[in-house]
Amino acid sequence: MIANMVNSSEFREMMERHLKEMMLYLLESDTPFGLLCNLEYVRFDPPLPPELSEQLNNITLFMIAGYTFESFEIEEHLLSFEAGFGPQNFGSVVSMPTLAVLQVVVEETPILINMALPPAHPAESKEEPGVKSSLEALLSNPENRRFLKEARKEPPESEKRD
């Protein structure tokens, strides 16, 4: 059931709207933030040299501060920003679908968690598409492991259904 919900177009649209609203709020209030992203959807222009791209994890945190903050743009379904990578500060424009953002982080605290994936994800399987990678990303932050424990608790009798 959860797989159907998080992969429905209605849920995706709602998550995308929340992500955009949160990022716009942070930009308008001049609050630096981080984006924990699924690197599979991220594009670099120009592409990063192999020695830099090999250092990035599948789930990568981009800090949106300074020039990166100033260059940040949100379009209909995409976001982009300029960033420097490595000791030589190799410049590249980073772009991705809004739904590639798994968490929005302020001062090391996740303030928004996205459980939806961009539509037509190439790695989606017939079994619970997207749920496994979203859950792995969520749990990659040790502070989020408590959510799993809370979700496994037995619901009160009043909430149980036959």
N, C-alpha and C. Protein backbone atom coordinates (compact mmCIF):
# COMPACT_ATOMS: atom_id res chain seq x y z
N MET A 1 0.82 -1.20 0.00
CA MET A 1 0.00 0.00 0.00
C MET A 1 0.86 1.26 0.00
N ILE A 2 1.89 1.28 0.85
CA ILE A 2 2.75 2.46 0.92
C ILE A 2 3.43 2.71 -0.42
N ALA A 3 3.82 1.64 -1.11
CA ALA A 3 4.49 1.81 -2.40
C ALA A 3 3.57 2.48 -3.40
N ASN A 4 2.31 2.07 -3.42
CA ASN A 4 1.34 2.70 -4.32
C ASN A 4 1.14 4.16 -3.98
N MET A 5 1.09 4.46 -2.68
CA MET A 5 0.86 5.84 -2.25
C MET A 5 2.02 6.76 -2.65
N VAL A 6 3.25 6.38 -2.27
CA VAL A 6 4.39 7.27 -2.51
C VAL A 6 4.75 7.39 -3.98
N ASN A 7 4.25 6.48 -4.79
CA ASN A 7 4.54 6.55 -6.22
C ASN A 7 3.36 7.05 -7.04
N SER A 8 2.31 7.47 -6.37
CA SER A 8 1.18 8.03 -7.11
C SER A 8 1.53 9.44 -7.58
N SER A 9 0.95 9.86 -8.68
CA SER A 9 1.24 11.20 -9.21
C SER A 9 0.77 12.27 -8.23
N GLU A 10 -0.32 12.02 -7.52
CA GLU A 10 -0.82 13.00 -6.55
C GLU A 10 0.19 13.21 -5.42
N PHE A 11 0.76 12.11 -4.91
CA PHE A 11 1.75 12.21 -3.84
C PHE A 11 3.01 12.91 -4.34
N ARG A 12 3.46 12.54 -5.55
CA ARG A 12 4.64 13.19 -6.13
C ARG A 12 4.44 14.70 -6.25
N GLU A 13 3.28 15.10 -6.75
CA GLU A 13 2.99 16.53 -6.91
C GLU A 13 2.99 17.25 -5.57
N MET A 14 2.41 16.62 -4.55
CA MET A 14 2.38 17.22 -3.23
C MET A 14 3.79 17.36 -2.67
N MET A 15 4.62 16.31 -2.78
CA MET A 15 5.99 16.38 -2.27
C MET A 15 6.80 17.43 -3.02
N GLU A 16 6.62 17.49 -4.33
CA GLU A 16 7.35 18.48 -5.11
C GLU A 16 6.95 19.90 -4.69
N ARG A 17 5.68 20.10 -4.46
CA ARG A 17 5.19 21.41 -4.01
C ARG A 17 5.80 21.77 -2.65
N HIS A 18 5.81 20.80 -1.71
CA HIS A 18 6.40 21.04 -0.39
C HIS A 18 7.89 21.36 -0.49
N LEU A 19 8.60 20.60 -1.32
CA LEU A 19 10.03 20.84 -1.50
C LEU A 19 10.28 22.26 -2.03
N LYS A 20 9.55 22.63 -3.06
CA LYS A 20 9.72 23.98 -3.64
C LYS A 20 9.42 25.06 -2.62
N GLU A 21 8.30 24.90 -1.90
CA GLU A 21 7.92 25.90 -0.91
C GLU A 21 8.98 26.03 0.18
N MET A 22 9.52 24.90 0.64
CA MET A 22 10.54 24.94 1.69
C MET A 22 11.81 25.62 1.19
N MET A 23 12.27 25.24 -0.01
CA MET A 23 13.49 25.85 -0.54
C MET A 23 13.30 27.34 -0.79
N LEU A 24 12.15 27.74 -1.32
CA LEU A 24 11.88 29.16 -1.53
C LEU A 24 11.84 29.91 -0.21
N TYR A 25 11.25 29.32 0.79
CA TYR A 25 11.22 29.94 2.12
C TYR A 25 12.63 30.16 2.64
N LEU A 26 13.48 29.14 2.52
CA LEU A 26 14.86 29.26 3.00
C LEU A 26 15.64 30.30 2.20
N LEU A 27 15.43 30.33 0.90
CA LEU A 27 16.11 31.33 0.06
C LEU A 27 15.65 32.74 0.44
N GLU A 28 14.35 32.93 0.59
CA GLU A 28 13.81 34.25 0.92
C GLU A 28 14.23 34.72 2.30
N SER A 29 14.46 33.78 3.23
CA SER A 29 14.87 34.16 4.58
C SER A 29 16.39 34.12 4.75
N ASP A 30 17.12 34.02 3.62
CA ASP A 30 18.59 34.00 3.63
C ASP A 30 19.16 32.95 4.58
N THR A 31 18.56 31.76 4.58
CA THR A 31 19.01 30.67 5.44
C THR A 31 19.74 29.63 4.60
N PRO A 32 21.05 29.46 4.82
CA PRO A 32 21.78 28.41 4.11
C PRO A 32 21.18 27.04 4.47
N PHE A 33 21.24 26.10 3.52
CA PHE A 33 20.66 24.79 3.76
C PHE A 33 21.40 23.74 2.96
N GLY A 34 21.13 22.50 3.27
CA GLY A 34 21.72 21.39 2.55
C GLY A 34 20.64 20.59 1.86
N LEU A 35 21.02 19.96 0.76
CA LEU A 35 20.12 19.08 0.02
C LEU A 35 20.77 17.71 -0.07
N LEU A 36 20.16 16.72 0.57
CA LEU A 36 20.61 15.35 0.44
C LEU A 36 19.92 14.80 -0.79
N CYS A 37 20.71 14.41 -1.80
CA CYS A 37 20.15 14.09 -3.11
C CYS A 37 20.54 12.69 -3.59
N ASN A 38 19.66 12.15 -4.40
CA ASN A 38 19.91 10.89 -5.09
C ASN A 38 20.74 11.24 -6.32
N LEU A 39 22.02 10.91 -6.28
CA LEU A 39 22.97 11.32 -7.32
C LEU A 39 22.63 10.74 -8.70
N GLU A 40 21.83 9.69 -8.73
CA GLU A 40 21.45 9.07 -10.00
C GLU A 40 20.76 10.08 -10.92
N TYR A 41 20.08 11.06 -10.35
CA TYR A 41 19.32 12.03 -11.13
C TYR A 41 20.08 13.35 -11.35
N VAL A 42 21.23 13.51 -10.72
CA VAL A 42 21.96 14.77 -10.76
C VAL A 42 22.82 14.85 -12.02
N ARG A 43 22.82 16.01 -12.64
CA ARG A 43 23.64 16.26 -13.83
C ARG A 43 24.60 17.41 -13.52
N PHE A 44 25.81 17.31 -14.07
CA PHE A 44 26.84 18.33 -13.89
C PHE A 44 27.21 18.88 -15.27
N ASP A 45 27.25 20.21 -15.39
CA ASP A 45 27.61 20.85 -16.65
C ASP A 45 28.64 21.94 -16.38
N PRO A 46 29.88 21.76 -16.75
CA PRO A 46 30.45 20.59 -17.43
C PRO A 46 30.54 19.40 -16.48
N PRO A 47 30.63 18.20 -17.07
CA PRO A 47 30.75 17.00 -16.23
C PRO A 47 31.99 17.08 -15.34
N LEU A 48 31.87 16.50 -14.15
CA LEU A 48 33.00 16.48 -13.23
C LEU A 48 34.08 15.54 -13.76
N PRO A 49 35.34 15.88 -13.55
CA PRO A 49 36.41 14.94 -13.91
C PRO A 49 36.24 13.65 -13.10
N PRO A 50 36.68 12.52 -13.67
CA PRO A 50 36.50 11.23 -12.97
C PRO A 50 37.02 11.22 -11.53
N GLU A 51 38.15 11.88 -11.28
CA GLU A 51 38.71 11.86 -9.93
C GLU A 51 37.80 12.56 -8.92
N LEU A 52 36.96 13.48 -9.39
CA LEU A 52 35.99 14.13 -8.50
C LEU A 52 34.68 13.36 -8.43
N SER A 53 34.17 12.92 -9.57
CA SER A 53 32.88 12.22 -9.58
C SER A 53 32.97 10.90 -8.82
N GLU A 54 34.13 10.26 -8.81
CA GLU A 54 34.30 9.00 -8.10
C GLU A 54 34.24 9.19 -6.58
N GLN A 55 34.46 10.41 -6.11
CA GLN A 55 34.44 10.68 -4.67
C GLN A 55 33.02 10.90 -4.14
N LEU A 56 32.05 11.10 -5.05
CA LEU A 56 30.68 11.35 -4.62
C LEU A 56 29.95 10.04 -4.34
N ASN A 57 29.18 10.01 -3.27
CA ASN A 57 28.37 8.84 -2.92
C ASN A 57 27.07 8.86 -3.70
N ASN A 58 26.38 7.73 -3.76
CA ASN A 58 25.08 7.66 -4.43
C ASN A 58 24.08 8.62 -3.81
N ILE A 59 24.19 8.82 -2.52
CA ILE A 59 23.38 9.81 -1.81
C ILE A 59 24.37 10.88 -1.34
N THR A 60 24.25 12.08 -1.89
CA THR A 60 25.22 13.14 -1.65
C THR A 60 24.55 14.38 -1.07
N LEU A 61 25.24 15.02 -0.14
CA LEU A 61 24.75 16.25 0.48
C LEU A 61 25.41 17.44 -0.20
N PHE A 62 24.60 18.33 -0.78
CA PHE A 62 25.09 19.57 -1.35
C PHE A 62 24.73 20.70 -0.39
N MET A 63 25.72 21.49 -0.01
CA MET A 63 25.47 22.63 0.87
C MET A 63 25.17 23.86 0.01
N ILE A 64 24.04 24.46 0.27
CA ILE A 64 23.60 25.64 -0.48
C ILE A 64 23.89 26.87 0.38
N ALA A 65 25.06 27.45 0.14
CA ALA A 65 25.53 28.61 0.91
C ALA A 65 26.48 29.40 0.02
N GLY A 66 26.70 30.66 0.36
CA GLY A 66 27.62 31.50 -0.40
C GLY A 66 27.19 31.66 -1.85
N TYR A 67 28.15 31.48 -2.77
CA TYR A 67 27.83 31.66 -4.19
C TYR A 67 26.82 30.61 -4.67
N THR A 68 26.91 29.41 -4.13
CA THR A 68 25.95 28.37 -4.49
C THR A 68 24.53 28.83 -4.14
N PHE A 69 24.36 29.45 -2.98
CA PHE A 69 23.07 29.98 -2.55
C PHE A 69 22.60 31.07 -3.52
N GLU A 70 23.51 31.96 -3.89
CA GLU A 70 23.17 33.08 -4.79
C GLU A 70 22.78 32.59 -6.19
N SER A 71 23.35 31.48 -6.62
CA SER A 71 23.09 30.98 -7.97
C SER A 71 21.91 30.00 -8.02
N PHE A 72 21.32 29.69 -6.89
CA PHE A 72 20.26 28.68 -6.80
C PHE A 72 19.02 29.13 -7.56
N GLU A 73 18.48 28.24 -8.41
CA GLU A 73 17.27 28.52 -9.17
C GLU A 73 16.33 27.34 -9.11
N ILE A 74 15.03 27.65 -9.03
CA ILE A 74 14.00 26.62 -9.08
C ILE A 74 13.11 26.93 -10.27
N GLU A 75 13.00 25.95 -11.16
CA GLU A 75 12.09 26.08 -12.30
C GLU A 75 10.91 25.15 -12.07
N GLU A 76 10.17 24.84 -13.10
CA GLU A 76 8.95 24.04 -12.93
C GLU A 76 9.21 22.72 -12.19
N HIS A 77 10.04 21.85 -12.73
CA HIS A 77 10.32 20.56 -12.10
C HIS A 77 11.81 20.36 -11.86
N LEU A 78 12.59 21.41 -12.04
CA LEU A 78 14.05 21.31 -11.91
C LEU A 78 14.59 22.36 -10.97
N LEU A 79 15.74 22.04 -10.39
CA LEU A 79 16.48 23.04 -9.63
C LEU A 79 17.92 22.98 -10.09
N SER A 80 18.61 24.09 -9.95
CA SER A 80 20.01 24.13 -10.36
C SER A 80 20.77 25.15 -9.52
N PHE A 81 22.08 24.96 -9.49
CA PHE A 81 22.97 25.88 -8.77
C PHE A 81 24.38 25.64 -9.26
N GLU A 82 25.22 26.64 -9.08
CA GLU A 82 26.63 26.50 -9.42
C GLU A 82 27.40 26.12 -8.18
N ALA A 83 28.37 25.23 -8.34
CA ALA A 83 29.16 24.78 -7.20
C ALA A 83 30.58 24.48 -7.64
N GLY A 84 31.48 24.54 -6.68
CA GLY A 84 32.88 24.19 -6.92
C GLY A 84 33.20 22.88 -6.22
N PHE A 85 34.00 22.03 -6.87
CA PHE A 85 34.30 20.70 -6.34
C PHE A 85 35.80 20.48 -6.27
N GLY A 86 36.22 19.81 -5.21
CA GLY A 86 37.62 19.42 -5.06
C GLY A 86 38.53 20.57 -4.67
N PRO A 87 39.82 20.27 -4.50
CA PRO A 87 40.78 21.28 -4.05
C PRO A 87 40.97 22.42 -5.06
N GLN A 88 40.75 22.13 -6.34
CA GLN A 88 40.88 23.18 -7.36
C GLN A 88 39.58 23.95 -7.55
N ASN A 89 38.54 23.60 -6.78
CA ASN A 89 37.25 24.28 -6.86
C ASN A 89 36.70 24.24 -8.29
N PHE A 90 36.69 23.03 -8.89
CA PHE A 90 36.20 22.83 -10.24
C PHE A 90 34.75 23.27 -10.32
N GLY A 91 34.46 24.24 -11.18
CA GLY A 91 33.11 24.79 -11.27
C GLY A 91 32.21 24.01 -12.20
N SER A 92 30.97 23.79 -11.75
CA SER A 92 30.00 23.08 -12.56
C SER A 92 28.60 23.52 -12.14
N VAL A 93 27.69 23.51 -13.10
CA VAL A 93 26.28 23.77 -12.80
C VAL A 93 25.65 22.43 -12.47
N VAL A 94 25.09 22.34 -11.28
CA VAL A 94 24.44 21.12 -10.81
C VAL A 94 22.95 21.28 -11.06
N SER A 95 22.33 20.31 -11.72
CA SER A 95 20.88 20.37 -11.95
C SER A 95 20.27 19.00 -11.69
N MET A 96 19.00 19.02 -11.28
CA MET A 96 18.30 17.78 -10.96
C MET A 96 16.81 18.04 -10.90
N PRO A 97 16.01 16.98 -11.06
CA PRO A 97 14.58 17.14 -10.81
C PRO A 97 14.37 17.46 -9.33
N THR A 98 13.38 18.25 -9.03
CA THR A 98 13.09 18.61 -7.64
C THR A 98 12.95 17.36 -6.77
N LEU A 99 12.32 16.33 -7.29
CA LEU A 99 12.09 15.12 -6.50
C LEU A 99 13.35 14.27 -6.29
N ALA A 100 14.49 14.67 -6.84
CA ALA A 100 15.74 13.99 -6.54
C ALA A 100 16.24 14.37 -5.15
N VAL A 101 15.65 15.42 -4.57
CA VAL A 101 16.01 15.85 -3.22
C VAL A 101 15.33 14.91 -2.24
N LEU A 102 16.13 14.24 -1.42
CA LEU A 102 15.61 13.30 -0.43
C LEU A 102 15.36 13.97 0.92
N GLN A 103 16.20 14.95 1.26
CA GLN A 103 16.03 15.70 2.50
C GLN A 103 16.48 17.13 2.30
N VAL A 104 15.81 18.03 2.99
CA VAL A 104 16.27 19.42 3.11
C VAL A 104 16.78 19.53 4.55
N VAL A 105 18.02 20.03 4.69
CA VAL A 105 18.69 20.04 5.99
C VAL A 105 19.09 21.47 6.35
N VAL A 106 18.82 21.85 7.59
CA VAL A 106 19.28 23.14 8.11
C VAL A 106 20.03 22.86 9.40
N GLU A 107 21.26 23.37 9.49
CA GLU A 107 22.11 23.17 10.66
C GLU A 107 22.15 21.71 11.09
N GLU A 108 22.39 20.81 10.14
CA GLU A 108 22.55 19.38 10.36
C GLU A 108 21.27 18.67 10.79
N THR A 109 20.13 19.35 10.69
CA THR A 109 18.85 18.74 11.06
C THR A 109 17.94 18.66 9.84
N PRO A 110 17.45 17.46 9.51
CA PRO A 110 16.49 17.36 8.40
C PRO A 110 15.19 18.08 8.77
N ILE A 111 14.76 19.00 7.91
CA ILE A 111 13.51 19.71 8.18
C ILE A 111 12.41 19.30 7.20
N LEU A 112 12.78 18.56 6.15
CA LEU A 112 11.80 18.03 5.22
C LEU A 112 12.37 16.75 4.63
N ILE A 113 11.58 15.70 4.63
CA ILE A 113 11.99 14.41 4.09
C ILE A 113 11.05 14.05 2.95
N ASN A 114 11.62 13.74 1.80
CA ASN A 114 10.86 13.38 0.62
C ASN A 114 10.89 11.86 0.42
N MET A 115 9.72 11.26 0.34
CA MET A 115 9.63 9.81 0.11
C MET A 115 9.25 9.48 -1.33
N ALA A 116 9.04 10.49 -2.17
CA ALA A 116 8.67 10.25 -3.57
C ALA A 116 9.92 10.29 -4.45
N LEU A 117 9.84 9.61 -5.57
CA LEU A 117 10.91 9.65 -6.56
C LEU A 117 10.40 10.33 -7.82
N PRO A 118 11.32 10.87 -8.62
CA PRO A 118 10.88 11.42 -9.90
C PRO A 118 10.19 10.34 -10.72
N PRO A 119 9.19 10.69 -11.53
CA PRO A 119 8.50 9.68 -12.34
C PRO A 119 9.45 9.02 -13.33
N ALA A 120 9.09 7.84 -13.75
CA ALA A 120 9.84 7.06 -14.75
C ALA A 120 11.27 6.80 -14.30
N HIS A 121 11.43 6.49 -13.04
CA HIS A 121 12.75 6.14 -12.50
C HIS A 121 13.22 4.86 -13.19
N PRO A 122 14.39 4.86 -13.81
CA PRO A 122 14.84 3.68 -14.58
C PRO A 122 15.04 2.43 -13.74
N ALA A 123 15.32 2.57 -12.46
CA ALA A 123 15.60 1.41 -11.63
C ALA A 123 14.36 0.88 -10.92
N GLU A 124 13.18 1.43 -11.21
CA GLU A 124 11.99 0.98 -10.53
C GLU A 124 11.70 -0.48 -10.90
N SER A 125 11.37 -1.24 -9.90
CA SER A 125 11.01 -2.64 -10.14
C SER A 125 9.52 -2.80 -9.92
N LYS A 126 9.01 -4.00 -10.16
CA LYS A 126 7.59 -4.26 -9.94
C LYS A 126 7.28 -4.39 -8.46
N GLU A 127 8.29 -4.62 -7.62
CA GLU A 127 8.08 -4.73 -6.19
C GLU A 127 8.37 -3.39 -5.53
N GLU A 128 7.38 -2.79 -4.97
CA GLU A 128 7.49 -1.56 -4.20
C GLU A 128 8.50 -0.59 -4.81
N PRO A 129 8.21 -0.02 -5.98
CA PRO A 129 9.17 0.87 -6.63
C PRO A 129 9.50 2.08 -5.78
N GLY A 130 10.79 2.35 -5.67
CA GLY A 130 11.26 3.55 -5.01
C GLY A 130 11.30 3.50 -3.50
N VAL A 131 10.55 2.61 -2.89
CA VAL A 131 10.46 2.59 -1.43
C VAL A 131 11.80 2.22 -0.82
N LYS A 132 12.47 1.21 -1.36
CA LYS A 132 13.74 0.76 -0.79
C LYS A 132 14.79 1.87 -0.84
N SER A 133 14.98 2.53 -1.98
CA SER A 133 16.01 3.56 -2.07
C SER A 133 15.66 4.77 -1.22
N SER A 134 14.38 5.13 -1.14
CA SER A 134 13.98 6.26 -0.31
C SER A 134 14.21 5.94 1.15
N LEU A 135 13.87 4.71 1.56
CA LEU A 135 14.06 4.31 2.95
C LEU A 135 15.55 4.26 3.27
N GLU A 136 16.38 3.75 2.36
CA GLU A 136 17.82 3.71 2.59
C GLU A 136 18.37 5.12 2.76
N ALA A 137 17.90 6.04 1.94
CA ALA A 137 18.36 7.42 2.04
C ALA A 137 17.94 8.03 3.37
N LEU A 138 16.70 7.77 3.75
CA LEU A 138 16.20 8.29 5.02
C LEU A 138 17.02 7.77 6.17
N LEU A 139 17.32 6.48 6.15
CA LEU A 139 18.04 5.86 7.26
C LEU A 139 19.55 6.06 7.19
N SER A 140 20.05 6.66 6.12
CA SER A 140 21.49 6.93 6.04
C SER A 140 21.91 7.94 7.10
N ASN A 141 20.96 8.74 7.57
CA ASN A 141 21.21 9.66 8.68
C ASN A 141 20.82 8.93 9.96
N PRO A 142 21.77 8.65 10.86
CA PRO A 142 21.47 7.89 12.08
C PRO A 142 20.34 8.50 12.91
N GLU A 143 20.18 9.82 12.87
CA GLU A 143 19.11 10.46 13.64
C GLU A 143 17.73 10.06 13.13
N ASN A 144 17.63 9.61 11.88
CA ASN A 144 16.34 9.24 11.31
C ASN A 144 15.93 7.80 11.64
N ARG A 145 16.84 7.02 12.20
CA ARG A 145 16.52 5.62 12.49
C ARG A 145 15.37 5.50 13.48
N ARG A 146 15.17 6.51 14.30
CA ARG A 146 14.07 6.46 15.26
C ARG A 146 12.72 6.43 14.55
N PHE A 147 12.65 6.99 13.33
CA PHE A 147 11.38 6.95 12.59
C PHE A 147 10.99 5.51 12.26
N LEU A 148 11.97 4.68 11.95
CA LEU A 148 11.70 3.29 11.65
C LEU A 148 11.17 2.58 12.89
N LYS A 149 11.80 2.85 14.04
CA LYS A 149 11.34 2.24 15.28
C LYS A 149 9.91 2.67 15.59
N GLU A 150 9.60 3.96 15.39
CA GLU A 150 8.26 4.46 15.66
C GLU A 150 7.25 3.85 14.70
N ALA A 151 7.63 3.65 13.45
CA ALA A 151 6.72 3.09 12.45
C ALA A 151 6.41 1.62 12.73
N ARG A 152 7.32 0.92 13.39
CA ARG A 152 7.12 -0.51 13.68
C ARG A 152 6.25 -0.73 14.92
N LYS A 153 6.00 0.31 15.72
CA LYS A 153 5.18 0.16 16.90
C LYS A 153 3.77 -0.23 16.50
N GLU A 154 3.13 -1.02 17.33
CA GLU A 154 1.77 -1.47 17.10
C GLU A 154 0.81 -0.28 17.24
N PRO A 155 -0.11 -0.07 16.27
CA PRO A 155 -1.05 1.05 16.39
C PRO A 155 -2.05 0.79 17.50
N PRO A 156 -2.60 1.85 18.08
CA PRO A 156 -3.61 1.68 19.12
C PRO A 156 -4.81 0.93 18.56
N GLU A 157 -5.57 0.26 19.43
CA GLU A 157 -6.74 -0.52 19.03
C GLU A 157 -7.71 0.31 18.19
N SER A 158 -7.86 1.59 18.52
CA SER A 158 -8.80 2.45 17.80
C SER A 158 -8.41 2.68 16.35
N GLU A 159 -7.11 2.47 16.02
CA GLU A 159 -6.64 2.71 14.66
C GLU A 159 -6.50 1.42 13.84
N LYS A 160 -6.68 0.27 14.48
CA LYS A 160 -6.55 -1.00 13.76
C LYS A 160 -7.78 -1.22 12.88
N ARG A 161 -7.53 -1.83 11.72
CA ARG A 161 -8.61 -2.17 10.79
C ARG A 161 -8.60 -3.66 10.54
N ASP A 162 -9.77 -4.21 10.31
CA ASP A 162 -9.87 -5.65 10.01
C ASP A 162 -9.68 -5.92 8.56
